[in-house]
C-alpha atoms as a PDB file:
ATOM      1  CA  UNK A   1      75.119 -42.490 -23.905  1.00  0.00           C
ATOM      2  CA  UNK A   2      74.782 -46.268 -23.876  1.00  0.00           C
ATOM      3  CA  UNK A   3      73.807 -48.577 -26.677  1.00  0.00           C
ATOM      4  CA  UNK A   4      70.782 -50.608 -25.511  1.00  0.00           C
ATOM      5  CA  UNK A   5      70.579 -52.813 -28.599  1.00  0.00           C
ATOM      6  CA  UNK A   6      71.363 -56.493 -28.383  1.00  0.00           C
ATOM      7  CA  UNK A   7      72.321 -58.335 -31.577  1.00  0.00           C
ATOM      8  CA  UNK A   8      70.912 -61.838 -31.724  1.00  0.00           C
ATOM      9  CA  UNK A   9      70.156 -64.645 -34.099  1.00  0.00           C
ATOM     10  CA  UNK A  10      67.241 -63.740 -36.382  1.00  0.00           C
ATOM     11  CA  UNK A  11      65.645 -67.089 -35.582  1.00  0.00           C
ATOM     12  CA  UNK A  12      65.056 -65.650 -32.088  1.00  0.00           C
ATOM     13  CA  UNK A  13      62.823 -62.882 -33.434  1.00  0.00           C
ATOM     14  CA  UNK A  14      59.238 -63.009 -32.190  1.00  0.00           C
ATOM     15  CA  UNK A  15      57.026 -65.164 -34.421  1.00  0.00           C
ATOM     16  CA  UNK A  16      54.839 -62.186 -35.338  1.00  0.00           C
ATOM     17  CA  UNK A  17      57.858 -60.323 -36.777  1.00  0.00           C
ATOM     18  CA  UNK A  18      58.965 -63.382 -38.753  1.00  0.00           C
ATOM     19  CA  UNK A  19      55.403 -63.927 -40.035  1.00  0.00           C
ATOM     20  CA  UNK A  20      55.085 -60.272 -41.080  1.00  0.00           C
ATOM     21  CA  UNK A  21      58.426 -60.230 -42.917  1.00  0.00           C
ATOM     22  CA  UNK A  22      57.627 -63.501 -44.713  1.00  0.00           C
ATOM     23  CA  UNK A  23      54.183 -62.203 -45.707  1.00  0.00           C
ATOM     24  CA  UNK A  24      55.587 -58.849 -46.843  1.00  0.00           C
ATOM     25  CA  UNK A  25      58.289 -60.535 -48.920  1.00  0.00           C
ATOM     26  CA  UNK A  26      55.747 -62.936 -50.459  1.00  0.00           C
ATOM     27  CA  UNK A  27      53.226 -60.141 -51.151  1.00  0.00           C
ATOM     28  CA  UNK A  28      50.662 -61.884 -48.906  1.00  0.00           C
ATOM     29  CA  UNK A  29      48.497 -58.947 -47.766  1.00  0.00           C
ATOM     30  CA  UNK A  30      46.089 -60.934 -45.546  1.00  0.00           C
ATOM     31  CA  UNK A  31      48.950 -62.593 -43.648  1.00  0.00           C
ATOM     32  CA  UNK A  32      50.833 -59.303 -43.258  1.00  0.00           C
ATOM     33  CA  UNK A  33      47.693 -57.554 -41.992  1.00  0.00           C
ATOM     34  CA  UNK A  34      47.026 -60.354 -39.502  1.00  0.00           C
ATOM     35  CA  UNK A  35      50.331 -59.528 -37.793  1.00  0.00           C
ATOM     36  CA  UNK A  36      49.222 -55.933 -37.057  1.00  0.00           C
ATOM     37  CA  UNK A  37      47.132 -54.350 -34.323  1.00  0.00           C
ATOM     38  CA  UNK A  38      43.890 -52.762 -35.650  1.00  0.00           C
ATOM     39  CA  UNK A  39      45.320 -49.274 -35.022  1.00  0.00           C
ATOM     40  CA  UNK A  40      48.854 -50.023 -36.249  1.00  0.00           C
ATOM     41  CA  UNK A  41      51.019 -47.335 -37.817  1.00  0.00           C
ATOM     42  CA  UNK A  42      53.603 -47.796 -40.573  1.00  0.00           C
ATOM     43  CA  UNK A  43      56.078 -45.120 -41.620  1.00  0.00           C
ATOM     44  CA  UNK A  44      57.813 -45.666 -44.959  1.00  0.00           C
ATOM     45  CA  UNK A  45      59.416 -43.197 -47.373  1.00  0.00           C
ATOM     46  CA  UNK A  46      58.513 -40.363 -44.992  1.00  0.00           C
ATOM     47  CA  UNK A  47      54.801 -41.159 -45.205  1.00  0.00           C
ATOM     48  CA  UNK A  48      52.608 -42.385 -42.358  1.00  0.00           C
ATOM     49  CA  UNK A  49      49.906 -45.026 -42.796  1.00  0.00           C
ATOM     50  CA  UNK A  50      47.496 -45.514 -39.906  1.00  0.00           C
ATOM     51  CA  UNK A  51      45.080 -48.419 -39.486  1.00  0.00           C
ATOM     52  CA  UNK A  52      44.727 -51.669 -41.392  1.00  0.00           C
ATOM     53  CA  UNK A  53      42.947 -50.271 -44.516  1.00  0.00           C
ATOM     54  CA  UNK A  54      45.642 -47.608 -45.115  1.00  0.00           C
ATOM     55  CA  UNK A  55      48.437 -50.095 -44.422  1.00  0.00           C
ATOM     56  CA  UNK A  56      46.931 -52.639 -46.817  1.00  0.00           C
ATOM     57  CA  UNK A  57      46.789 -50.005 -49.590  1.00  0.00           C
ATOM     58  CA  UNK A  58      50.445 -49.145 -48.876  1.00  0.00           C
ATOM     59  CA  UNK A  59      51.455 -52.819 -48.858  1.00  0.00           C
ATOM     60  CA  UNK A  60      49.656 -53.467 -52.135  1.00  0.00           C
ATOM     61  CA  UNK A  61      51.418 -50.534 -53.789  1.00  0.00           C
ATOM     62  CA  UNK A  62      54.803 -51.222 -52.181  1.00  0.00           C
ATOM     63  CA  UNK A  63      54.848 -54.891 -53.129  1.00  0.00           C
ATOM     64  CA  UNK A  64      53.666 -54.413 -56.706  1.00  0.00           C
ATOM     65  CA  UNK A  65      55.513 -51.252 -57.750  1.00  0.00           C
ATOM     66  CA  UNK A  66      58.915 -52.947 -58.156  1.00  0.00           C
ATOM     67  CA  UNK A  67      60.372 -56.420 -58.406  1.00  0.00           C
ATOM     68  CA  UNK A  68      62.988 -57.160 -55.757  1.00  0.00           C
ATOM     69  CA  UNK A  69      64.572 -59.793 -53.579  1.00  0.00           C
ATOM     70  CA  UNK A  70      65.372 -59.475 -49.885  1.00  0.00           C
ATOM     71  CA  UNK A  71      68.230 -60.820 -47.819  1.00  0.00           C
ATOM     72  CA  UNK A  72      68.176 -60.678 -44.033  1.00  0.00           C
ATOM     73  CA  UNK A  73      71.474 -59.164 -42.910  1.00  0.00           C
ATOM     74  CA  UNK A  74      70.873 -58.442 -39.224  1.00  0.00           C
ATOM     75  CA  UNK A  75      68.524 -58.371 -36.272  1.00  0.00           C
ATOM     76  CA  UNK A  76      68.639 -56.659 -32.887  1.00  0.00           C
ATOM     77  CA  UNK A  77      66.458 -56.384 -29.841  1.00  0.00           C
ATOM     78  CA  UNK A  78      66.267 -52.693 -28.947  1.00  0.00           C
ATOM     79  CA  UNK A  79      64.300 -53.162 -25.724  1.00  0.00           C
ATOM     80  CA  UNK A  80      61.217 -54.897 -24.450  1.00  0.00           C
ATOM     81  CA  UNK A  81      58.911 -55.423 -27.443  1.00  0.00           C
ATOM     82  CA  UNK A  82      61.255 -53.454 -29.762  1.00  0.00           C
ATOM     83  CA  UNK A  83      63.183 -55.068 -32.599  1.00  0.00           C
ATOM     84  CA  UNK A  84      65.148 -53.883 -35.613  1.00  0.00           C
ATOM     85  CA  UNK A  85      65.606 -56.111 -38.636  1.00  0.00           C
ATOM     86  CA  UNK A  86      67.944 -55.059 -41.443  1.00  0.00           C
ATOM     87  CA  UNK A  87      67.263 -56.411 -44.911  1.00  0.00           C
ATOM     88  CA  UNK A  88      69.066 -55.814 -48.184  1.00  0.00           C
ATOM     89  CA  UNK A  89      66.704 -55.232 -51.097  1.00  0.00           C
ATOM     90  CA  UNK A  90      67.962 -55.714 -54.645  1.00  0.00           C
ATOM     91  CA  UNK A  91      65.729 -55.047 -57.623  1.00  0.00           C
ATOM     92  CA  UNK A  92      64.503 -52.793 -60.390  1.00  0.00           C
ATOM     93  CA  UNK A  93      63.854 -49.740 -58.191  1.00  0.00           C
ATOM     94  CA  UNK A  94      65.988 -46.566 -58.457  1.00  0.00           C
ATOM     95  CA  UNK A  95      69.465 -47.341 -57.132  1.00  0.00           C
ATOM     96  CA  UNK A  96      68.961 -51.100 -57.430  1.00  0.00           C
ATOM     97  CA  UNK A  97      70.196 -51.975 -53.924  1.00  0.00           C
ATOM     98  CA  UNK A  98      69.355 -50.629 -50.484  1.00  0.00           C
ATOM     99  CA  UNK A  99      69.721 -51.789 -46.898  1.00  0.00           C
ATOM    100  CA  UNK A 100      66.510 -51.042 -44.984  1.00  0.00           C
ATOM    101  CA  UNK A 101      65.932 -51.135 -41.238  1.00  0.00           C
ATOM    102  CA  UNK A 102      62.517 -52.353 -40.163  1.00  0.00           C
ATOM    103  CA  UNK A 103      61.931 -51.048 -36.624  1.00  0.00           C
ATOM    104  CA  UNK A 104      59.101 -52.957 -34.938  1.00  0.00           C
ATOM    105  CA  UNK A 105      57.186 -52.088 -31.787  1.00  0.00           C
ATOM    106  CA  UNK A 106      54.981 -54.892 -30.481  1.00  0.00           C
ATOM    107  CA  UNK A 107      51.838 -54.627 -28.392  1.00  0.00           C
ATOM    108  CA  UNK A 108      50.263 -57.762 -26.915  1.00  0.00           C
ATOM    109  CA  UNK A 109      51.932 -60.017 -29.461  1.00  0.00           C
ATOM    110  CA  UNK A 110      51.121 -57.945 -32.565  1.00  0.00           C
ATOM    111  CA  UNK A 111      52.936 -55.176 -34.436  1.00  0.00           C
ATOM    112  CA  UNK A 112      51.644 -51.774 -33.391  1.00  0.00           C
ATOM    113  CA  UNK A 113      54.280 -49.605 -35.070  1.00  0.00           C
ATOM    114  CA  UNK A 114      56.710 -50.184 -37.929  1.00  0.00           C
ATOM    115  CA  UNK A 115      59.200 -47.691 -39.312  1.00  0.00           C
ATOM    116  CA  UNK A 116      61.085 -48.605 -42.476  1.00  0.00           C
ATOM    117  CA  UNK A 117      64.122 -46.500 -43.356  1.00  0.00           C
ATOM    118  CA  UNK A 118      67.682 -46.828 -44.667  1.00  0.00           C
END
């Protein structure tokens, strides 16, 4: 089995990924939604959210439930239009600190699929 991931400087991430992460971290729902395809899917905490309205409800809940800071600790290109960004979250949620991998799949310059998991 080969490892097809390529570590690279996070500044080389596609603009749409950088815009989404900035919007998510700043709790900017309109900007985060604008980075997604209309039929995007997000998987977080074992739950699946399909389409912009469901994702916006998830984002609103996820960004207001706890107070936290994020630190970018890594980025990789997993293949054409596939990227993984690892961020450390520290805050008032259970456990206080967690490293999360945001796995992005892009379609025509927008995010069509995002899985968030440790």
